[in-house]
């Protein structure tokens, strides 16, 4: 895998690491977005020694190729979007 890239064919998984999520974070209240499309969160890990949690999500196949903003939302907070390249 390559950081900041994901394929557009079939179904792909995205992994990201997020710091600052509350104790009550789960698959239903942590939301990942590629552009305006909400991704299905598969798994959220326990925080590591620095407080980061791994989050895995499914990206449905057929996403348009190119650069898309990727962001994570939890409660009323949202990360700044970062570019994710779909190839």
PDB file of N, CA and C in Angstrom:
ATOM      1  N   UNK A   1       0.840  -1.168   0.000  1.00  0.00           N
ATOM      2  CA  UNK A   1       0.000   0.000   0.000  1.00  0.00           C
ATOM      3  C   UNK A   1       0.880   1.223   0.000  1.00  0.00           C
ATOM      4  N   UNK A   2       0.287   2.346  -0.405  1.00  0.00           N
ATOM      5  CA  UNK A   2       1.005   3.620  -0.425  1.00  0.00           C
ATOM      6  C   UNK A   2       0.203   4.664   0.336  1.00  0.00           C
ATOM      7  N   UNK A   3       0.907   5.430   1.146  1.00  0.00           N
ATOM      8  CA  UNK A   3       0.272   6.496   1.904  1.00  0.00           C
ATOM      9  C   UNK A   3      -0.350   7.518   0.957  1.00  0.00           C
ATOM     10  N   UNK A   4      -1.613   7.865   1.215  1.00  0.00           N
ATOM     11  CA  UNK A   4      -2.294   8.884   0.427  1.00  0.00           C
ATOM     12  C   UNK A   4      -2.869   8.403  -0.884  1.00  0.00           C
ATOM     13  N   UNK A   5      -2.849   7.071  -1.142  1.00  0.00           N
ATOM     14  CA  UNK A   5      -3.393   6.525  -2.389  1.00  0.00           C
ATOM     15  C   UNK A   5      -4.323   5.360  -2.100  1.00  0.00           C
ATOM     16  N   UNK A   6      -5.312   5.200  -2.972  1.00  0.00           N
ATOM     17  CA  UNK A   6      -6.219   4.066  -2.908  1.00  0.00           C
ATOM     18  C   UNK A   6      -6.674   3.766  -4.327  1.00  0.00           C
ATOM     19  N   UNK A   7      -6.988   2.492  -4.617  1.00  0.00           N
ATOM     20  CA  UNK A   7      -7.440   2.110  -5.945  1.00  0.00           C
ATOM     21  C   UNK A   7      -8.929   2.341  -6.124  1.00  0.00           C
ATOM     22  N   UNK A   8      -9.375   2.415  -7.368  1.00  0.00           N
ATOM     23  CA  UNK A   8     -10.781   2.703  -7.661  1.00  0.00           C
ATOM     24  C   UNK A   8     -11.569   1.454  -8.028  1.00  0.00           C
ATOM     25  N   UNK A   9     -10.906   0.335  -8.257  1.00  0.00           N
ATOM     26  CA  UNK A   9     -11.620  -0.864  -8.683  1.00  0.00           C
ATOM     27  C   UNK A   9     -12.268  -1.577  -7.488  1.00  0.00           C
ATOM     28  N   UNK A  10     -13.314  -2.299  -7.782  1.00  0.00           N
ATOM     29  CA  UNK A  10     -13.998  -3.134  -6.798  1.00  0.00           C
ATOM     30  C   UNK A  10     -14.197  -2.415  -5.466  1.00  0.00           C
ATOM     31  N   UNK A  11     -13.702  -3.022  -4.403  1.00  0.00           N
ATOM     32  CA  UNK A  11     -13.905  -2.503  -3.054  1.00  0.00           C
ATOM     33  C   UNK A  11     -12.538  -2.414  -2.374  1.00  0.00           C
ATOM     34  N   UNK A  12     -12.250  -1.286  -1.766  1.00  0.00           N
ATOM     35  CA  UNK A  12     -10.958  -1.053  -1.147  1.00  0.00           C
ATOM     36  C   UNK A  12     -11.132  -0.664   0.307  1.00  0.00           C
ATOM     37  N   UNK A  13     -10.079  -0.855   1.070  1.00  0.00           N
ATOM     38  CA  UNK A  13     -10.078  -0.440   2.466  1.00  0.00           C
ATOM     39  C   UNK A  13      -9.148   0.748   2.648  1.00  0.00           C
ATOM     40  N   UNK A  14      -9.538   1.630   3.516  1.00  0.00           N
ATOM     41  CA  UNK A  14      -8.740   2.786   3.883  1.00  0.00           C
ATOM     42  C   UNK A  14      -8.417   2.658   5.363  1.00  0.00           C
ATOM     43  N   UNK A  15      -7.171   2.904   5.728  1.00  0.00           N
ATOM     44  CA  UNK A  15      -6.758   2.944   7.129  1.00  0.00           C
ATOM     45  C   UNK A  15      -6.226   4.331   7.423  1.00  0.00           C
ATOM     46  N   UNK A  16      -6.596   4.853   8.579  1.00  0.00           N
ATOM     47  CA  UNK A  16      -6.055   6.135   9.022  1.00  0.00           C
ATOM     48  C   UNK A  16      -5.861   6.064  10.527  1.00  0.00           C
ATOM     49  N   UNK A  17      -5.055   6.962  11.030  1.00  0.00           N
ATOM     50  CA  UNK A  17      -4.762   7.012  12.455  1.00  0.00           C
ATOM     51  C   UNK A  17      -5.155   8.390  12.961  1.00  0.00           C
ATOM     52  N   UNK A  18      -6.000   8.410  13.999  1.00  0.00           N
ATOM     53  CA  UNK A  18      -6.587   9.659  14.486  1.00  0.00           C
ATOM     54  C   UNK A  18      -6.356   9.768  15.984  1.00  0.00           C
ATOM     55  N   UNK A  19      -5.994  10.966  16.414  1.00  0.00           N
ATOM     56  CA  UNK A  19      -5.775  11.247  17.829  1.00  0.00           C
ATOM     57  C   UNK A  19      -6.865  12.182  18.319  1.00  0.00           C
ATOM     58  N   UNK A  20      -7.302  11.996  19.570  1.00  0.00           N
ATOM     59  CA  UNK A  20      -8.255  12.923  20.167  1.00  0.00           C
ATOM     60  C   UNK A  20      -9.696  12.456  20.163  1.00  0.00           C
ATOM     61  N   UNK A  21      -9.946  11.207  19.766  1.00  0.00           N
ATOM     62  CA  UNK A  21     -11.316  10.694  19.803  1.00  0.00           C
ATOM     63  C   UNK A  21     -11.724  10.414  21.243  1.00  0.00           C
ATOM     64  N   UNK A  22     -12.984  10.626  21.563  1.00  0.00           N
ATOM     65  CA  UNK A  22     -13.486  10.374  22.909  1.00  0.00           C
ATOM     66  C   UNK A  22     -13.575   8.893  23.231  1.00  0.00           C
ATOM     67  N   UNK A  23     -13.727   8.597  24.504  1.00  0.00           N
ATOM     68  CA  UNK A  23     -13.849   7.213  24.972  1.00  0.00           C
ATOM     69  C   UNK A  23     -15.061   6.509  24.350  1.00  0.00           C
ATOM     70  N   UNK A  24     -16.087   7.279  23.998  1.00  0.00           N
ATOM     71  CA  UNK A  24     -17.312   6.693  23.466  1.00  0.00           C
ATOM     72  C   UNK A  24     -17.274   6.519  21.946  1.00  0.00           C
ATOM     73  N   UNK A  25     -16.094   6.655  21.323  1.00  0.00           N
ATOM     74  CA  UNK A  25     -16.045   6.513  19.860  1.00  0.00           C
ATOM     75  C   UNK A  25     -16.339   5.070  19.476  1.00  0.00           C
ATOM     76  N   UNK A  26     -17.108   4.920  18.418  1.00  0.00           N
ATOM     77  CA  UNK A  26     -17.408   3.599  17.874  1.00  0.00           C
ATOM     78  C   UNK A  26     -17.735   3.738  16.394  1.00  0.00           C
ATOM     79  N   UNK A  27     -18.084   2.617  15.751  1.00  0.00           N
ATOM     80  CA  UNK A  27     -18.346   2.603  14.312  1.00  0.00           C
ATOM     81  C   UNK A  27     -19.535   3.477  13.919  1.00  0.00           C
ATOM     82  N   UNK A  28     -20.408   3.780  14.857  1.00  0.00           N
ATOM     83  CA  UNK A  28     -21.599   4.561  14.533  1.00  0.00           C
ATOM     84  C   UNK A  28     -21.402   6.066  14.672  1.00  0.00           C
ATOM     85  N   UNK A  29     -20.446   6.509  15.491  1.00  0.00           N
ATOM     86  CA  UNK A  29     -20.318   7.949  15.683  1.00  0.00           C
ATOM     87  C   UNK A  29     -18.997   8.537  15.184  1.00  0.00           C
ATOM     88  N   UNK A  30     -18.127   7.715  14.617  1.00  0.00           N
ATOM     89  CA  UNK A  30     -16.946   8.209  13.914  1.00  0.00           C
ATOM     90  C   UNK A  30     -17.264   8.084  12.428  1.00  0.00           C
ATOM     91  N   UNK A  31     -17.155   9.187  11.708  1.00  0.00           N
ATOM     92  CA  UNK A  31     -17.529   9.182  10.292  1.00  0.00           C
ATOM     93  C   UNK A  31     -16.330   9.584   9.438  1.00  0.00           C
ATOM     94  N   UNK A  32     -16.091   8.817   8.389  1.00  0.00           N
ATOM     95  CA  UNK A  32     -15.036   9.104   7.426  1.00  0.00           C
ATOM     96  C   UNK A  32     -15.682   9.473   6.111  1.00  0.00           C
ATOM     97  N   UNK A  33     -15.134  10.474   5.448  1.00  0.00           N
ATOM     98  CA  UNK A  33     -15.681  10.956   4.184  1.00  0.00           C
ATOM     99  C   UNK A  33     -14.592  11.046   3.131  1.00  0.00           C
ATOM    100  N   UNK A  34     -14.927  10.590   1.939  1.00  0.00           N
ATOM    101  CA  UNK A  34     -14.118  10.819   0.752  1.00  0.00           C
ATOM    102  C   UNK A  34     -14.951  11.756  -0.112  1.00  0.00           C
ATOM    103  N   UNK A  35     -14.534  13.002  -0.199  1.00  0.00           N
ATOM    104  CA  UNK A  35     -15.399  14.011  -0.804  1.00  0.00           C
ATOM    105  C   UNK A  35     -16.628  14.151   0.075  1.00  0.00           C
ATOM    106  N   UNK A  36     -17.798  14.020  -0.510  1.00  0.00           N
ATOM    107  CA  UNK A  36     -19.043  14.085   0.257  1.00  0.00           C
ATOM    108  C   UNK A  36     -19.611  12.695   0.569  1.00  0.00           C
ATOM    109  N   UNK A  37     -18.918  11.647   0.112  1.00  0.00           N
ATOM    110  CA  UNK A  37     -19.411  10.283   0.329  1.00  0.00           C
ATOM    111  C   UNK A  37     -18.936   9.741   1.669  1.00  0.00           C
ATOM    112  N   UNK A  38     -19.892   9.322   2.500  1.00  0.00           N
ATOM    113  CA  UNK A  38     -19.560   8.718   3.794  1.00  0.00           C
ATOM    114  C   UNK A  38     -19.123   7.280   3.557  1.00  0.00           C
ATOM    115  N   UNK A  39     -18.001   6.917   4.162  1.00  0.00           N
ATOM    116  CA  UNK A  39     -17.470   5.562   4.043  1.00  0.00           C
ATOM    117  C   UNK A  39     -17.964   4.720   5.213  1.00  0.00           C
ATOM    118  N   UNK A  40     -18.016   3.414   5.018  1.00  0.00           N
ATOM    119  CA  UNK A  40     -18.470   2.500   6.057  1.00  0.00           C
ATOM    120  C   UNK A  40     -17.284   2.118   6.952  1.00  0.00           C
ATOM    121  N   UNK A  41     -17.337   2.525   8.223  1.00  0.00           N
ATOM    122  CA  UNK A  41     -16.265   2.208   9.170  1.00  0.00           C
ATOM    123  C   UNK A  41     -16.369   0.740   9.561  1.00  0.00           C
ATOM    124  N   UNK A  42     -15.267   0.008   9.364  1.00  0.00           N
ATOM    125  CA  UNK A  42     -15.190  -1.416   9.701  1.00  0.00           C
ATOM    126  C   UNK A  42     -14.711  -1.665  11.123  1.00  0.00           C
ATOM    127  N   UNK A  43     -13.736  -0.858  11.563  1.00  0.00           N
ATOM    128  CA  UNK A  43     -13.054  -1.175  12.813  1.00  0.00           C
ATOM    129  C   UNK A  43     -12.372   0.060  13.370  1.00  0.00           C
ATOM    130  N   UNK A  44     -12.404   0.198  14.696  1.00  0.00           N
ATOM    131  CA  UNK A  44     -11.676   1.256  15.395  1.00  0.00           C
ATOM    132  C   UNK A  44     -10.868   0.590  16.498  1.00  0.00           C
ATOM    133  N   UNK A  45      -9.560   0.801  16.464  1.00  0.00           N
ATOM    134  CA  UNK A  45      -8.675   0.192  17.455  1.00  0.00           C
ATOM    135  C   UNK A  45      -8.590   1.001  18.738  1.00  0.00           C
ATOM    136  N   UNK A  46      -7.988   0.392  19.727  1.00  0.00           N
ATOM    137  CA  UNK A  46      -7.716   1.069  20.989  1.00  0.00           C
ATOM    138  C   UNK A  46      -6.576   2.067  20.773  1.00  0.00           C
ATOM    139  N   UNK A  47      -6.507   3.121  21.590  1.00  0.00           N
ATOM    140  CA  UNK A  47      -5.430   4.090  21.409  1.00  0.00           C
ATOM    141  C   UNK A  47      -4.062   3.475  21.689  1.00  0.00           C
ATOM    142  N   UNK A  48      -3.072   3.890  20.889  1.00  0.00           N
ATOM    143  CA  UNK A  48      -1.709   3.437  21.132  1.00  0.00           C
ATOM    144  C   UNK A  48      -1.084   4.319  22.219  1.00  0.00           C
ATOM    145  N   UNK A  49       0.199   4.174  22.448  1.00  0.00           N
ATOM    146  CA  UNK A  49       0.882   4.916  23.497  1.00  0.00           C
ATOM    147  C   UNK A  49       0.850   6.424  23.323  1.00  0.00           C
ATOM    148  N   UNK A  50       0.644   6.890  22.093  1.00  0.00           N
ATOM    149  CA  UNK A  50       0.585   8.325  21.822  1.00  0.00           C
ATOM    150  C   UNK A  50      -0.856   8.828  21.683  1.00  0.00           C
ATOM    151  N   UNK A  51      -1.829   7.924  21.860  1.00  0.00           N
ATOM    152  CA  UNK A  51      -3.237   8.319  21.794  1.00  0.00           C
ATOM    153  C   UNK A  51      -3.883   8.184  20.425  1.00  0.00           C
ATOM    154  N   UNK A  52      -3.172   7.638  19.448  1.00  0.00           N
ATOM    155  CA  UNK A  52      -3.734   7.465  18.102  1.00  0.00           C
ATOM    156  C   UNK A  52      -4.515   6.158  18.020  1.00  0.00           C
ATOM    157  N   UNK A  53      -5.641   6.214  17.335  1.00  0.00           N
ATOM    158  CA  UNK A  53      -6.450   5.020  17.066  1.00  0.00           C
ATOM    159  C   UNK A  53      -6.428   4.742  15.568  1.00  0.00           C
ATOM    160  N   UNK A  54      -6.272   3.464  15.228  1.00  0.00           N
ATOM    161  CA  UNK A  54      -6.390   3.078  13.819  1.00  0.00           C
ATOM    162  C   UNK A  54      -7.859   2.913  13.497  1.00  0.00           C
ATOM    163  N   UNK A  55      -8.261   3.483  12.362  1.00  0.00           N
ATOM    164  CA  UNK A  55      -9.632   3.335  11.879  1.00  0.00           C
ATOM    165  C   UNK A  55      -9.559   2.745  10.484  1.00  0.00           C
ATOM    166  N   UNK A  56     -10.306   1.677  10.249  1.00  0.00           N
ATOM    167  CA  UNK A  56     -10.402   1.051   8.932  1.00  0.00           C
ATOM    168  C   UNK A  56     -11.808   1.269   8.397  1.00  0.00           C
ATOM    169  N   UNK A  57     -11.886   1.612   7.113  1.00  0.00           N
ATOM    170  CA  UNK A  57     -13.178   1.838   6.472  1.00  0.00           C
ATOM    171  C   UNK A  57     -13.167   1.234   5.074  1.00  0.00           C
ATOM    172  N   UNK A  58     -14.351   0.950   4.557  1.00  0.00           N
ATOM    173  CA  UNK A  58     -14.517   0.393   3.218  1.00  0.00           C
ATOM    174  C   UNK A  58     -14.861   1.521   2.259  1.00  0.00           C
ATOM    175  N   UNK A  59     -14.143   1.551   1.155  1.00  0.00           N
ATOM    176  CA  UNK A  59     -14.466   2.486   0.087  1.00  0.00           C
ATOM    177  C   UNK A  59     -15.103   1.678  -1.029  1.00  0.00           C
ATOM    178  N   UNK A  60     -16.343   1.981  -1.397  1.00  0.00           N
ATOM    179  CA  UNK A  60     -16.976   1.213  -2.468  1.00  0.00           C
ATOM    180  C   UNK A  60     -16.244   1.415  -3.785  1.00  0.00           C
ATOM    181  N   UNK A  61     -16.290   0.414  -4.649  1.00  0.00           N
ATOM    182  CA  UNK A  61     -15.662   0.515  -5.955  1.00  0.00           C
ATOM    183  C   UNK A  61     -16.346   1.562  -6.820  1.00  0.00           C
ATOM    184  N   UNK A  62     -15.642   1.958  -7.854  1.00  0.00           N
ATOM    185  CA  UNK A  62     -16.216   2.883  -8.808  1.00  0.00           C
ATOM    186  C   UNK A  62     -16.026   4.350  -8.481  1.00  0.00           C
ATOM    187  N   UNK A  63     -15.215   4.660  -7.473  1.00  0.00           N
ATOM    188  CA  UNK A  63     -14.964   6.073  -7.167  1.00  0.00           C
ATOM    189  C   UNK A  63     -14.241   6.715  -8.343  1.00  0.00           C
ATOM    190  N   UNK A  64     -14.541   7.960  -8.607  1.00  0.00           N
ATOM    191  CA  UNK A  64     -13.869   8.635  -9.720  1.00  0.00           C
ATOM    192  C   UNK A  64     -12.396   8.822  -9.386  1.00  0.00           C
ATOM    193  N   UNK A  65     -11.568   8.647 -10.394  1.00  0.00           N
ATOM    194  CA  UNK A  65     -10.128   8.762 -10.211  1.00  0.00           C
ATOM    195  C   UNK A  65      -9.744  10.216 -10.031  1.00  0.00           C
ATOM    196  N   UNK A  66      -8.631  10.409  -9.356  1.00  0.00           N
ATOM    197  CA  UNK A  66      -8.135  11.757  -9.113  1.00  0.00           C
ATOM    198  C   UNK A  66      -8.032  12.038  -7.630  1.00  0.00           C
ATOM    199  N   UNK A  67      -7.798  13.291  -7.296  1.00  0.00           N
ATOM    200  CA  UNK A  67      -7.616  13.689  -5.911  1.00  0.00           C
ATOM    201  C   UNK A  67      -8.950  14.085  -5.286  1.00  0.00           C
ATOM    202  N   UNK A  68      -9.193  13.576  -4.087  1.00  0.00           N
ATOM    203  CA  UNK A  68     -10.427  13.858  -3.352  1.00  0.00           C
ATOM    204  C   UNK A  68     -10.066  14.271  -1.921  1.00  0.00           C
ATOM    205  N   UNK A  69     -10.848  15.146  -1.317  1.00  0.00           N
ATOM    206  CA  UNK A  69     -10.600  15.478   0.086  1.00  0.00           C
ATOM    207  C   UNK A  69     -11.071  14.330   0.981  1.00  0.00           C
ATOM    208  N   UNK A  70     -10.275  13.991   1.975  1.00  0.00           N
ATOM    209  CA  UNK A  70     -10.595  12.954   2.945  1.00  0.00           C
ATOM    210  C   UNK A  70     -10.608  13.604   4.325  1.00  0.00           C
ATOM    211  N   UNK A  71     -11.654  13.298   5.107  1.00  0.00           N
ATOM    212  CA  UNK A  71     -11.737  13.865   6.453  1.00  0.00           C
ATOM    213  C   UNK A  71     -12.439  12.905   7.402  1.00  0.00           C
ATOM    214  N   UNK A  72     -12.222  13.144   8.691  1.00  0.00           N
ATOM    215  CA  UNK A  72     -12.822  12.339   9.755  1.00  0.00           C
ATOM    216  C   UNK A  72     -13.646  13.273  10.623  1.00  0.00           C
ATOM    217  N   UNK A  73     -14.853  12.830  10.990  1.00  0.00           N
ATOM    218  CA  UNK A  73     -15.722  13.602  11.882  1.00  0.00           C
ATOM    219  C   UNK A  73     -16.065  12.773  13.106  1.00  0.00           C
ATOM    220  N   UNK A  74     -16.121  13.456  14.247  1.00  0.00           N
ATOM    221  CA  UNK A  74     -16.535  12.819  15.496  1.00  0.00           C
ATOM    222  C   UNK A  74     -17.209  13.887  16.344  1.00  0.00           C
ATOM    223  N   UNK A  75     -18.451  13.629  16.738  1.00  0.00           N
ATOM    224  CA  UNK A  75     -19.200  14.642  17.475  1.00  0.00           C
ATOM    225  C   UNK A  75     -19.307  15.900  16.636  1.00  0.00           C
ATOM    226  N   UNK A  76     -19.003  17.042  17.200  1.00  0.00           N
ATOM    227  CA  UNK A  76     -19.055  18.299  16.469  1.00  0.00           C
ATOM    228  C   UNK A  76     -17.733  18.687  15.835  1.00  0.00           C
ATOM    229  N   UNK A  77     -16.722  17.804  15.925  1.00  0.00           N
ATOM    230  CA  UNK A  77     -15.391  18.134  15.406  1.00  0.00           C
ATOM    231  C   UNK A  77     -15.132  17.429  14.079  1.00  0.00           C
ATOM    232  N   UNK A  78     -14.298  18.066  13.268  1.00  0.00           N
ATOM    233  CA  UNK A  78     -13.902  17.494  11.986  1.00  0.00           C
ATOM    234  C   UNK A  78     -12.428  17.799  11.750  1.00  0.00           C
ATOM    235  N   UNK A  79     -11.717  16.847  11.162  1.00  0.00           N
ATOM    236  CA  UNK A  79     -10.343  17.127  10.766  1.00  0.00           C
ATOM    237  C   UNK A  79     -10.370  18.058   9.563  1.00  0.00           C
ATOM    238  N   UNK A  80      -9.262  18.706   9.327  1.00  0.00           N
ATOM    239  CA  UNK A  80      -9.094  19.415   8.073  1.00  0.00           C
ATOM    240  C   UNK A  80      -9.008  18.363   6.974  1.00  0.00           C
ATOM    241  N   UNK A  81      -9.554  18.631   5.798  1.00  0.00           N
ATOM    242  CA  UNK A  81      -9.446  17.639   4.731  1.00  0.00           C
ATOM    243  C   UNK A  81      -7.999  17.499   4.278  1.00  0.00           C
ATOM    244  N   UNK A  82      -7.630  16.253   3.961  1.00  0.00           N
ATOM    245  CA  UNK A  82      -6.321  15.984   3.383  1.00  0.00           C
ATOM    246  C   UNK A  82      -6.560  15.350   2.013  1.00  0.00           C
ATOM    247  N   UNK A  83      -5.664  15.546   1.072  1.00  0.00           N
ATOM    248  CA  UNK A  83      -5.873  14.956  -0.258  1.00  0.00           C
ATOM    249  C   UNK A  83      -5.620  13.460  -0.246  1.00  0.00           C
ATOM    250  N   UNK A  84      -6.518  12.718  -0.866  1.00  0.00           N
ATOM    251  CA  UNK A  84      -6.362  11.282  -1.064  1.00  0.00           C
ATOM    252  C   UNK A  84      -6.483  11.029  -2.560  1.00  0.00           C
ATOM    253  N   UNK A  85      -5.495  10.394  -3.129  1.00  0.00           N
ATOM    254  CA  UNK A  85      -5.456  10.167  -4.560  1.00  0.00           C
ATOM    255  C   UNK A  85      -6.070   8.803  -4.881  1.00  0.00           C
ATOM    256  N   UNK A  86      -7.125   8.796  -5.666  1.00  0.00           N
ATOM    257  CA  UNK A  86      -7.756   7.561  -6.140  1.00  0.00           C
ATOM    258  C   UNK A  86      -7.189   7.271  -7.522  1.00  0.00           C
ATOM    259  N   UNK A  87      -6.584   6.084  -7.659  1.00  0.00           N
ATOM    260  CA  UNK A  87      -5.965   5.753  -8.946  1.00  0.00           C
ATOM    261  C   UNK A  87      -6.619   4.566  -9.588  1.00  0.00           C
TER     262      UNK A  87
END
